[in-house]
């Protein structure tokens, strides 16, 4: 068995030669223009004033103080009293408060007390439920305490050492190690890679792994490509599927593209359909309420010669037009729904109106795999070269996956192999046993397993699976048959 091919990028000491102009954006602009550049590994290291041996601890501390912790910018937790005050801005609640004050002015204390009690109950329910959801979200966030393997030196002349540090302590210029299952802790540029593939579904919505490798020389073809199409760039929010690599951090915290997308979604939130419908009904009733008391006063003054004496009656008419229980009923119904979701499904509702928003959805478009989908492949069917169902195809593929997982000593199981084993019926009961296996890697684009039947004269069978083009290259087929199979695969 051969080892996984490894590609590397040459890098200097981390400082440009005297008299040589910096080829890319200087270090102060890190986090803004560096991640989007198409510079080589050496150029990026020079712009970050770093090197393959990592940063000195003292320099890392200075950069941590300069750029801040590597955490996503989040809204500050809103205290419960402030939430209670904000809930008073609801149109119905504001009108009820005004009517309660007017009732108190005209000494209608019973009406004033009832109105203020309804307002207090509605605001208390809403603010308490939203505050509880925020606390639950914060508790979940505390559970996700991750670390990263970073290369640093105690002094400029000391040898580099690898150690685990909290993700929040990473700074631009840090050199980190990536392995299967690791979360990419920041925006990075790959310096070395051995069969490195990453999942970018949280950023692009594509569930297929993407191969990453260093950029040893400028590539004009990449100049017009988007950032997620750059093979040398990995972004915060993605995860390593297979392989390993060494990368240098180019942006952290709020300067990452993941943070920019998160902040953009937060700022784009406008009034929901629920908010618009409630506000529309509210303002319609408010207009009637504002018009009714003056009309009642003028009618009594004109017909009976009474003026302010009829003010309590006018207030009573306005209160009669106001659905005092509507805020309480709506808030209570939403709070009960949120409590049921939390109890039965483990769903945290951060905004009570979000329940109505989701219930009013007719068509839902998703652009993020893993949000409501499972972010894992599933085998739907197995067909032969004539596009007919063939259980034998699935059986051979599952045998290859089974012995690849057992013999190749993978750091993490391949998602496609797991999908094949889930779809097959007890592949471990087969008469074949594994001899050797080469796992899939982005260079060969195939996985190979050698199987044989038990016994001294057992026939060896080579099973190859992977990309259609790579598999067909290893088959003794004519040109026409090869083109037919390629066209068949393209339709799938």
Protein backbone atom coordinates (compact mmCIF):
# COMPACT_ATOMS: atom_id res chain seq x y z
CA UNK A 1 0.00 0.00 0.00
CA UNK A 2 1.28 3.42 -0.86
CA UNK A 3 0.90 6.47 1.31
CA UNK A 4 -1.44 9.30 0.47
CA UNK A 5 0.29 11.76 -1.89
CA UNK A 6 1.37 14.95 -0.20
CA UNK A 7 1.87 18.34 -1.76
CA UNK A 8 3.70 21.17 -0.09
CA UNK A 9 4.47 24.81 -0.65
CA UNK A 10 7.89 26.27 -0.11
CA UNK A 11 8.01 29.10 2.38
CA UNK A 12 10.71 31.42 3.54
CA UNK A 13 11.51 32.69 6.95
CA UNK A 14 8.39 34.79 7.08
CA UNK A 15 10.12 38.13 6.21
CA UNK A 16 10.69 39.70 2.82
CA UNK A 17 14.23 40.18 1.58
CA UNK A 18 15.72 43.66 2.04
CA UNK A 19 14.75 45.99 -0.71
CA UNK A 20 12.07 43.66 -2.04
CA UNK A 21 8.58 45.20 -2.20
CA UNK A 22 5.79 43.28 -0.57
CA UNK A 23 3.87 41.47 -3.33
CA UNK A 24 0.51 41.47 -1.57
CA UNK A 25 -1.51 43.55 0.83
CA UNK A 26 0.52 44.50 3.95
CA UNK A 27 -0.21 43.00 7.35
CA UNK A 28 -2.44 45.78 8.77
CA UNK A 29 -5.14 44.87 6.26
CA UNK A 30 -5.33 41.27 7.35
CA UNK A 31 -8.83 39.96 7.66
CA UNK A 32 -10.16 42.14 4.88
CA UNK A 33 -8.20 41.83 1.65
CA UNK A 34 -5.84 38.95 2.40
CA UNK A 35 -8.46 36.20 2.46
CA UNK A 36 -9.77 37.18 -0.91
CA UNK A 37 -6.36 37.37 -2.55
CA UNK A 38 -4.88 34.70 -4.78
CA UNK A 39 -1.33 35.08 -3.48
CA UNK A 40 0.98 32.12 -3.09
CA UNK A 41 1.74 30.62 0.29
CA UNK A 42 5.04 32.50 0.51
CA UNK A 43 3.38 35.81 -0.33
CA UNK A 44 0.67 35.32 2.28
CA UNK A 45 3.21 34.36 4.94
CA UNK A 46 5.22 37.49 4.21
CA UNK A 47 2.16 39.71 4.31
CA UNK A 48 1.23 38.23 7.69
CA UNK A 49 4.79 38.60 9.02
CA UNK A 50 4.78 34.90 9.83
CA UNK A 51 6.49 31.72 8.73
CA UNK A 52 6.08 27.94 8.64
CA UNK A 53 7.65 27.71 12.12
CA UNK A 54 4.75 29.65 13.60
CA UNK A 55 4.55 32.80 15.69
CA UNK A 56 6.48 33.63 18.82
CA UNK A 57 4.28 33.53 21.93
CA UNK A 58 4.93 37.19 22.69
CA UNK A 59 3.92 38.22 19.16
CA UNK A 60 0.79 36.08 19.40
CA UNK A 61 -0.21 37.85 22.62
CA UNK A 62 0.31 41.24 20.97
CA UNK A 63 -1.88 40.26 18.03
CA UNK A 64 -4.55 38.88 20.34
CA UNK A 65 -4.71 42.27 22.06
CA UNK A 66 -4.75 44.00 18.67
CA UNK A 67 -7.34 41.93 16.81
CA UNK A 68 -9.35 40.57 19.72
CA UNK A 69 -10.53 37.05 20.41
CA UNK A 70 -11.44 34.70 17.59
CA UNK A 71 -15.15 34.65 18.34
CA UNK A 72 -18.15 35.56 16.24
CA UNK A 73 -19.56 39.00 16.98
CA UNK A 74 -22.78 38.39 18.82
CA UNK A 75 -25.52 40.61 20.12
CA UNK A 76 -25.04 41.40 23.79
CA UNK A 77 -27.46 39.53 26.03
CA UNK A 78 -30.49 41.69 26.69
CA UNK A 79 -31.39 41.90 30.40
CA UNK A 80 -34.90 40.90 31.39
CA UNK A 81 -36.01 44.41 32.54
CA UNK A 82 -35.03 45.86 29.16
CA UNK A 83 -36.99 43.13 27.37
CA UNK A 84 -40.01 43.98 29.50
CA UNK A 85 -39.75 47.66 28.55
CA UNK A 86 -39.31 46.80 24.86
CA UNK A 87 -42.48 44.71 24.90
CA UNK A 88 -44.41 47.88 25.74
CA UNK A 89 -43.76 49.15 22.20
CA UNK A 90 -46.41 46.85 20.77
CA UNK A 91 -49.19 49.02 19.19
CA UNK A 92 -52.02 47.39 21.17
CA UNK A 93 -50.04 47.60 24.38
CA UNK A 94 -49.30 51.29 23.82
CA UNK A 95 -52.97 52.05 23.18
CA UNK A 96 -54.03 50.12 26.28
CA UNK A 97 -51.54 52.07 28.39
CA UNK A 98 -52.90 55.36 27.07
CA UNK A 99 -56.48 54.28 27.80
CA UNK A 100 -55.45 53.15 31.27
CA UNK A 101 -53.90 56.54 31.98
CA UNK A 102 -56.99 58.36 30.68
CA UNK A 103 -59.19 56.11 32.84
CA UNK A 104 -57.07 56.99 35.86
CA UNK A 105 -57.32 60.72 35.04
CA UNK A 106 -61.12 60.56 34.99
CA UNK A 107 -61.08 58.48 38.21
CA UNK A 108 -62.29 55.27 36.53
CA UNK A 109 -59.98 53.24 38.77
CA UNK A 110 -61.58 49.87 38.12
CA UNK A 111 -61.12 50.16 34.36
CA UNK A 112 -57.57 51.47 34.78
CA UNK A 113 -56.54 48.58 37.04
CA UNK A 114 -57.97 45.96 34.69
CA UNK A 115 -56.21 47.47 31.66
CA UNK A 116 -52.84 47.78 33.43
CA UNK A 117 -53.12 44.19 34.71
CA UNK A 118 -53.69 42.91 31.16
CA UNK A 119 -50.71 44.89 29.89
CA UNK A 120 -48.49 43.56 32.69
CA UNK A 121 -49.46 39.93 32.07
CA UNK A 122 -48.86 40.18 28.31
CA UNK A 123 -45.46 41.87 28.67
CA UNK A 124 -44.42 39.49 31.44
CA UNK A 125 -45.17 36.39 29.38
CA UNK A 126 -43.36 37.62 26.29
CA UNK A 127 -40.24 38.94 28.03
CA UNK A 128 -39.90 35.89 30.28
CA UNK A 129 -40.18 33.37 27.42
CA UNK A 130 -37.67 35.21 25.21
CA UNK A 131 -35.26 35.65 28.13
CA UNK A 132 -35.49 31.92 28.87
CA UNK A 133 -34.72 31.10 25.22
CA UNK A 134 -31.65 33.36 25.29
CA UNK A 135 -30.37 31.64 28.42
CA UNK A 136 -30.83 28.20 26.83
CA UNK A 137 -28.96 29.31 23.70
CA UNK A 138 -26.11 30.70 25.79
CA UNK A 139 -25.88 27.42 27.71
CA UNK A 140 -25.62 25.46 24.46
CA UNK A 141 -22.92 27.82 23.22
CA UNK A 142 -20.88 27.19 26.37
CA UNK A 143 -20.91 23.46 25.66
CA UNK A 144 -19.14 23.95 22.31
CA UNK A 145 -15.66 24.71 23.67
CA UNK A 146 -13.22 23.67 20.91
CA UNK A 147 -9.46 23.79 20.64
CA UNK A 148 -7.01 23.86 17.75
CA UNK A 149 -3.49 22.51 17.23
CA UNK A 150 -1.19 25.50 16.74
CA UNK A 151 2.55 25.75 16.00
CA UNK A 152 4.29 28.37 18.14
CA UNK A 153 7.72 29.18 19.58
CA UNK A 154 8.66 30.41 23.03
CA UNK A 155 11.32 32.69 21.51
CA UNK A 156 12.66 33.60 18.08
CA UNK A 157 15.46 31.01 18.29
CA UNK A 158 13.43 28.26 19.98
CA UNK A 159 12.22 25.23 18.00
CA UNK A 160 8.55 25.21 17.03
CA UNK A 161 6.21 23.20 19.22
CA UNK A 162 2.68 21.97 18.64
CA UNK A 163 0.12 22.46 21.39
CA UNK A 164 -3.62 22.72 21.86
CA UNK A 165 -5.00 26.21 22.44
CA UNK A 166 -8.58 27.47 22.68
CA UNK A 167 -9.97 28.61 19.35
CA UNK A 168 -10.66 32.04 20.86
CA UNK A 169 -6.89 32.58 21.34
CA UNK A 170 -5.96 32.13 17.67
CA UNK A 171 -4.61 35.18 15.84
CA UNK A 172 -3.79 36.07 12.21
CA UNK A 173 -0.42 34.56 11.31
CA UNK A 174 -0.82 31.46 13.48
CA UNK A 175 0.16 28.19 11.80
CA UNK A 176 -2.28 25.38 12.61
CA UNK A 177 -2.62 21.67 11.87
CA UNK A 178 -5.81 20.26 10.37
CA UNK A 179 -6.95 16.65 10.51
CA UNK A 180 -10.07 14.57 9.81
CA UNK A 181 -13.04 15.75 11.83
CA UNK A 182 -11.48 19.10 12.73
CA UNK A 183 -13.49 22.28 12.41
CA UNK A 184 -11.66 25.02 10.53
CA UNK A 185 -11.33 27.60 13.33
CA UNK A 186 -10.78 30.68 11.14
CA UNK A 187 -10.16 31.75 7.56
CA UNK A 188 -6.89 30.09 6.53
CA UNK A 189 -4.60 29.53 3.56
CA UNK A 190 -3.28 26.01 3.08
CA UNK A 191 0.52 25.64 3.26
CA UNK A 192 0.79 21.84 3.04
CA UNK A 193 -1.83 19.20 2.31
CA UNK A 194 -2.06 15.45 2.09
CA UNK A 195 -5.35 14.41 0.48
CA UNK A 196 -7.12 17.27 2.27
CA UNK A 197 -10.86 17.61 1.61
CA UNK A 198 -13.28 19.84 3.49
CA UNK A 199 -17.03 20.28 3.81
CA UNK A 200 -18.14 23.83 2.99
CA UNK A 201 -21.87 23.12 3.23
CA UNK A 202 -22.41 25.69 5.99
CA UNK A 203 -21.12 28.38 3.62
CA UNK A 204 -22.02 27.23 0.11
CA UNK A 205 -24.83 24.70 0.62
CA UNK A 206 -22.90 22.04 -1.33
CA UNK A 207 -22.72 18.74 0.54
CA UNK A 208 -19.89 17.25 -1.56
CA UNK A 209 -16.37 17.54 -0.07
CA UNK A 210 -13.98 19.97 -1.78
CA UNK A 211 -10.30 19.17 -2.34
CA UNK A 212 -7.81 21.70 -0.98
CA UNK A 213 -4.12 22.10 -1.79
CA UNK A 214 -1.48 24.84 -1.51
CA UNK A 215 -0.83 27.40 -4.22
CA UNK A 216 2.87 27.18 -5.09
CA UNK A 217 2.79 29.65 -7.98
CA UNK A 218 0.34 32.36 -9.11
CA UNK A 219 -2.48 30.89 -11.19
CA UNK A 220 -4.14 33.40 -13.55
CA UNK A 221 -7.14 31.08 -13.89
CA UNK A 222 -8.01 31.68 -10.24
CA UNK A 223 -7.95 35.47 -10.49
CA UNK A 224 -11.62 35.73 -11.45
CA UNK A 225 -12.87 32.83 -9.34
CA UNK A 226 -14.87 33.39 -6.19
CA UNK A 227 -13.31 32.85 -2.78
CA UNK A 228 -14.99 29.49 -2.22
CA UNK A 229 -13.58 28.23 -5.52
CA UNK A 230 -10.00 28.92 -4.43
CA UNK A 231 -8.36 25.53 -3.72
CA UNK A 232 -5.85 27.04 -1.29
CA UNK A 233 -8.41 28.76 0.97
CA UNK A 234 -10.44 27.24 3.79
CA UNK A 235 -13.01 29.20 5.74
CA UNK A 236 -14.37 29.24 9.24
CA UNK A 237 -17.53 27.15 9.43
CA UNK A 238 -16.17 24.32 7.26
CA UNK A 239 -14.89 20.97 8.52
CA UNK A 240 -12.17 18.56 7.42
CA UNK A 241 -13.55 15.41 5.82
CA UNK A 242 -10.34 13.53 5.08
CA UNK A 243 -6.62 14.03 4.83
CA UNK A 244 -4.46 16.43 6.77
CA UNK A 245 -2.88 19.80 6.25
CA UNK A 246 -1.00 22.76 7.62
CA UNK A 247 -2.44 26.24 7.18
CA UNK A 248 -1.82 29.83 8.21
CA UNK A 249 -4.65 31.91 9.66
CA UNK A 250 -5.49 34.98 7.58
CA UNK A 251 -8.60 36.29 9.36
CA UNK A 252 -10.26 35.76 12.72
CA UNK A 253 -13.41 36.77 14.56
CA UNK A 254 -15.54 39.38 12.88
CA UNK A 255 -13.18 39.59 9.87
CA UNK A 256 -14.02 36.07 8.64
CA UNK A 257 -16.43 35.44 5.80
CA UNK A 258 -18.60 33.30 8.07
CA UNK A 259 -18.99 36.25 10.44
CA UNK A 260 -19.81 38.57 7.52
CA UNK A 261 -22.55 36.22 6.32
CA UNK A 262 -23.91 35.85 9.86
CA UNK A 263 -23.93 39.61 10.41
CA UNK A 264 -25.59 40.22 7.04
CA UNK A 265 -28.44 37.83 7.83
CA UNK A 266 -28.95 39.46 11.22
CA UNK A 267 -29.11 42.96 9.76
CA UNK A 268 -31.47 41.94 6.95
CA UNK A 269 -34.22 40.85 9.35
CA UNK A 270 -37.26 42.99 8.80
CA UNK A 271 -40.88 42.85 9.86
CA UNK A 272 -42.29 39.35 9.50
CA UNK A 273 -45.70 38.45 8.07
CA UNK A 274 -46.98 38.00 11.61
CA UNK A 275 -45.73 41.44 12.66
CA UNK A 276 -47.25 43.06 9.57
CA UNK A 277 -50.65 41.41 10.08
CA UNK A 278 -50.84 42.33 13.76
CA UNK A 279 -49.71 45.89 13.08
CA UNK A 280 -52.24 46.25 10.27
CA UNK A 281 -55.13 45.19 12.51
CA UNK A 282 -53.77 47.29 15.35
CA UNK A 283 -53.56 50.51 13.37
CA UNK A 284 -57.02 49.99 11.87
CA UNK A 285 -58.51 49.70 15.35
CA UNK A 286 -56.39 52.59 16.60
CA UNK A 287 -57.80 54.87 13.92
CA UNK A 288 -61.35 54.00 14.98
CA UNK A 289 -60.44 54.51 18.62
CA UNK A 290 -58.90 57.90 17.96
CA UNK A 291 -61.90 59.05 15.96
CA UNK A 292 -64.62 57.74 18.28
CA UNK A 293 -64.02 59.77 21.50
CA UNK A 294 -63.97 63.18 19.75
CA UNK A 295 -67.12 62.26 17.83
CA UNK A 296 -68.84 61.18 21.05
CA UNK A 297 -67.81 64.40 22.80
CA UNK A 298 -68.97 66.59 19.91
CA UNK A 299 -72.27 64.72 19.56
CA UNK A 300 -73.05 65.07 23.27
CA UNK A 301 -72.03 68.72 23.26
CA UNK A 302 -74.22 69.47 20.25
CA UNK A 303 -77.27 67.43 21.24
CA UNK A 304 -77.28 67.63 25.04
CA UNK A 305 -75.07 70.60 25.73
CA UNK A 306 -72.56 68.50 27.65
CA UNK A 307 -68.81 68.71 27.09
CA UNK A 308 -66.17 67.20 29.37
CA UNK A 309 -68.85 65.58 31.50
CA UNK A 310 -69.12 62.86 28.88
CA UNK A 311 -65.35 62.15 28.79
CA UNK A 312 -65.69 58.94 30.90
CA UNK A 313 -68.32 57.70 28.47
CA UNK A 314 -66.02 58.47 25.51
CA UNK A 315 -63.19 56.56 27.18
CA UNK A 316 -65.53 53.64 27.83
CA UNK A 317 -66.45 53.58 24.14
CA UNK A 318 -62.75 53.56 23.18
CA UNK A 319 -62.03 50.75 25.63
CA UNK A 320 -64.96 48.81 24.24
CA UNK A 321 -63.45 49.02 20.76
CA UNK A 322 -60.08 47.78 22.03
CA UNK A 323 -59.50 44.00 22.14
CA UNK A 324 -57.75 44.13 25.52
CA UNK A 325 -57.26 40.37 25.68
CA UNK A 326 -55.70 40.07 22.21
CA UNK A 327 -52.06 40.65 23.32
CA UNK A 328 -52.52 38.26 26.24
CA UNK A 329 -54.15 35.55 24.11
CA UNK A 330 -51.54 35.79 21.33
CA UNK A 331 -48.59 35.81 23.72
CA UNK A 332 -50.01 32.92 25.77
CA UNK A 333 -50.61 30.79 22.67
CA UNK A 334 -47.11 31.42 21.32
CA UNK A 335 -45.52 30.79 24.72
CA UNK A 336 -47.33 27.45 25.07
CA UNK A 337 -46.22 26.45 21.58
CA UNK A 338 -42.61 27.35 22.37
CA UNK A 339 -42.74 25.37 25.62
CA UNK A 340 -44.16 22.31 23.84
CA UNK A 341 -41.45 22.45 21.15
CA UNK A 342 -38.75 22.71 23.80
CA UNK A 343 -40.21 19.81 25.79
CA UNK A 344 -40.96 17.37 22.97
CA UNK A 345 -38.48 18.25 20.22
CA UNK A 346 -35.66 20.12 21.94
CA UNK A 347 -36.28 23.22 19.80
CA UNK A 348 -35.36 26.60 21.26
CA UNK A 349 -37.60 29.46 20.09
CA UNK A 350 -35.67 32.72 20.45
CA UNK A 351 -38.49 34.94 19.15
CA UNK A 352 -42.10 34.02 19.88
CA UNK A 353 -43.44 35.48 16.58
CA UNK A 354 -41.12 33.07 14.73
CA UNK A 355 -43.62 30.29 15.47
CA UNK A 356 -46.31 32.05 13.48
CA UNK A 357 -43.81 32.90 10.73
CA UNK A 358 -42.92 29.24 10.27
CA UNK A 359 -46.56 28.15 10.37
CA UNK A 360 -47.46 30.65 7.66
CA UNK A 361 -44.81 29.35 5.23
CA UNK A 362 -46.18 27.92 1.97
CA UNK A 363 -42.89 27.34 0.12
CA UNK A 364 -39.53 27.08 1.90
CA UNK A 365 -36.25 27.55 0.00
CA UNK A 366 -33.07 26.46 1.78
CA UNK A 367 -29.52 27.31 0.74
CA UNK A 368 -27.68 25.72 3.65
CA UNK A 369 -27.22 21.96 3.73
CA UNK A 370 -27.37 20.71 7.29
CA UNK A 371 -29.87 23.30 8.52
CA UNK A 372 -32.95 21.13 8.06
CA UNK A 373 -31.32 18.36 6.02
CA UNK A 374 -29.02 15.68 7.43
CA UNK A 375 -25.88 16.63 5.46
CA UNK A 376 -25.03 13.01 4.67
CA UNK A 377 -25.30 10.93 1.47
CA UNK A 378 -27.90 8.18 1.12
CA UNK A 379 -27.87 5.37 -1.46
CA UNK A 380 -31.09 5.55 -3.46
CA UNK A 381 -30.55 2.83 -6.08
CA UNK A 382 -27.90 0.57 -7.63
CA UNK A 383 -27.93 0.07 -11.41
CA UNK A 384 -25.71 -1.68 -13.93
CA UNK A 385 -24.25 -0.40 -17.18
CA UNK A 386 -27.65 -0.72 -18.88
CA UNK A 387 -29.34 1.47 -16.24
CA UNK A 388 -31.21 -1.53 -14.81
CA UNK A 389 -31.48 -2.36 -11.09
CA UNK A 390 -28.67 -4.68 -10.05
CA UNK A 391 -28.23 -5.73 -6.39
CA UNK A 392 -24.80 -7.11 -7.28
CA UNK A 393 -23.45 -3.62 -7.87
CA UNK A 394 -24.44 -2.56 -4.38
CA UNK A 395 -23.04 -5.80 -2.90
CA UNK A 396 -19.59 -5.31 -4.45
CA UNK A 397 -19.53 -1.63 -3.50
CA UNK A 398 -20.50 -2.46 0.09
CA UNK A 399 -17.79 -5.16 0.29
CA UNK A 400 -15.22 -2.65 -0.91
CA UNK A 401 -16.43 -0.11 1.65
CA UNK A 402 -16.43 -2.70 4.46
CA UNK A 403 -12.85 -3.85 3.95
CA UNK A 404 -11.60 -0.34 3.21
CA UNK A 405 -12.86 0.79 6.60
CA UNK A 406 -11.30 -2.25 8.30
CA UNK A 407 -7.93 -2.41 6.52
CA UNK A 408 -7.07 1.17 5.56
CA UNK A 409 -6.96 2.48 9.16
CA UNK A 410 -8.70 5.72 8.27
CA UNK A 411 -8.68 8.50 10.88
CA UNK A 412 -12.39 8.97 10.21
CA UNK A 413 -14.82 6.80 8.21
CA UNK A 414 -15.77 8.00 4.74
CA UNK A 415 -19.37 9.19 4.48
CA UNK A 416 -19.96 7.37 1.17
CA UNK A 417 -18.68 4.09 2.59
CA UNK A 418 -21.05 4.42 5.53
CA UNK A 419 -23.95 5.10 3.15
CA UNK A 420 -23.14 1.96 1.15
CA UNK A 421 -23.00 -0.17 4.30
CA UNK A 422 -26.32 1.22 5.50
CA UNK A 423 -27.97 0.39 2.17
CA UNK A 424 -26.53 -3.13 1.82
CA UNK A 425 -27.89 -6.15 3.66
CA UNK A 426 -25.24 -7.61 5.99
CA UNK A 427 -22.13 -7.32 3.77
CA UNK A 428 -20.05 -8.78 6.63
CA UNK A 429 -21.77 -12.15 6.03
CA UNK A 430 -20.19 -12.46 2.58
CA UNK A 431 -17.78 -15.31 1.80
CA UNK A 432 -15.14 -12.82 0.68
CA UNK A 433 -12.43 -11.54 2.99
CA UNK A 434 -10.22 -8.52 2.54
CA UNK A 435 -6.55 -8.69 1.57
CA UNK A 436 -5.58 -5.03 1.11
CA UNK A 437 -7.25 -1.69 0.55
CA UNK A 438 -6.38 1.81 -0.60
CA UNK A 439 -8.84 4.48 0.56
CA UNK A 440 -10.20 7.20 -1.68
CA UNK A 441 -8.10 10.31 -2.06
CA UNK A 442 -8.58 13.36 -4.31
CA UNK A 443 -5.49 12.58 -6.41
CA UNK A 444 -6.34 9.02 -7.49
CA UNK A 445 -10.09 9.72 -7.28
CA UNK A 446 -10.77 6.03 -6.62
CA UNK A 447 -10.81 3.59 -3.72
CA UNK A 448 -9.46 0.08 -4.25
CA UNK A 449 -9.95 -3.13 -2.29
CA UNK A 450 -8.51 -6.61 -2.97
CA UNK A 451 -10.84 -9.45 -1.91
CA UNK A 452 -10.56 -13.24 -2.03
CA UNK A 453 -12.58 -16.29 -1.14
CA UNK A 454 -11.33 -18.29 1.84
CA UNK A 455 -8.99 -21.18 1.05
CA UNK A 456 -5.57 -21.72 -0.51
CA UNK A 457 -6.91 -21.48 -4.06
CA UNK A 458 -9.17 -18.52 -3.43
CA UNK A 459 -9.50 -16.21 -6.40
CA UNK A 460 -8.46 -12.60 -5.81
CA UNK A 461 -10.89 -9.92 -6.94
CA UNK A 462 -9.99 -6.24 -7.33
CA UNK A 463 -12.92 -3.90 -6.60
CA UNK A 464 -12.54 -0.25 -7.63
CA UNK A 465 -15.04 2.52 -6.93
CA UNK A 466 -14.82 6.27 -7.27
CA UNK A 467 -15.23 8.97 -9.89
CA UNK A 468 -16.74 7.65 -13.11
CA UNK A 469 -13.91 8.94 -15.30
CA UNK A 470 -11.23 7.46 -13.05
CA UNK A 471 -12.95 4.06 -12.85
CA UNK A 472 -13.48 3.84 -16.62
CA UNK A 473 -9.78 4.58 -17.20
CA UNK A 474 -9.04 1.29 -15.44
CA UNK A 475 -11.56 -0.72 -17.50
CA UNK A 476 -10.90 -2.52 -20.80
CA UNK A 477 -13.68 -0.83 -22.77
CA UNK A 478 -13.99 0.51 -26.27
CA UNK A 479 -14.39 4.18 -26.99
CA UNK A 480 -18.08 3.97 -27.84
CA UNK A 481 -18.93 2.00 -24.71
CA UNK A 482 -16.91 4.40 -22.60
CA UNK A 483 -18.77 7.41 -24.02
CA UNK A 484 -22.12 5.69 -23.47
CA UNK A 485 -21.36 5.03 -19.82
CA UNK A 486 -20.12 8.59 -19.31
CA UNK A 487 -23.34 9.94 -20.80
CA UNK A 488 -25.38 7.60 -18.59
CA UNK A 489 -23.53 8.79 -15.49
CA UNK A 490 -24.01 12.43 -16.49
CA UNK A 491 -27.80 11.94 -16.52
CA UNK A 492 -27.80 10.60 -12.94
